[in-house]
């Protein structure tokens, strides 16, 4: 499965992905990884120095979420890419209330006449 490296990097910067790839010995490896800034340790965020490796156009370094370390693989060896399920807050629960009546204001009185 050949994927566009730039597209994969873009998705890794936004999401947590499970990537299945073939290792150098031919066996398959499943890797839970990301490039999201909020998932990286603080000391890693501050370094921001990238070392040039040979075959840099196909080699991709990612943060392993299970082992808490950097791992790399060749993009042309990817067998599958799956998005991890992430529990996100419900958008309506965190949204401020809107409407005509302000919180703390009195209820409107009915205009109906009582008999």
Foldseek 3Di string as FASTA:
>chain_A
DADQPVVVLVCLQVAWKWWWFADPVGDIDIFTWGDHPVQADPVVVVPPDDDDDPVNNQKDWTQGNVVRDIDIDGNVGTDDMGTDDDDDDDPVVPDDDDDDDDPPDDDDDDPDDDD
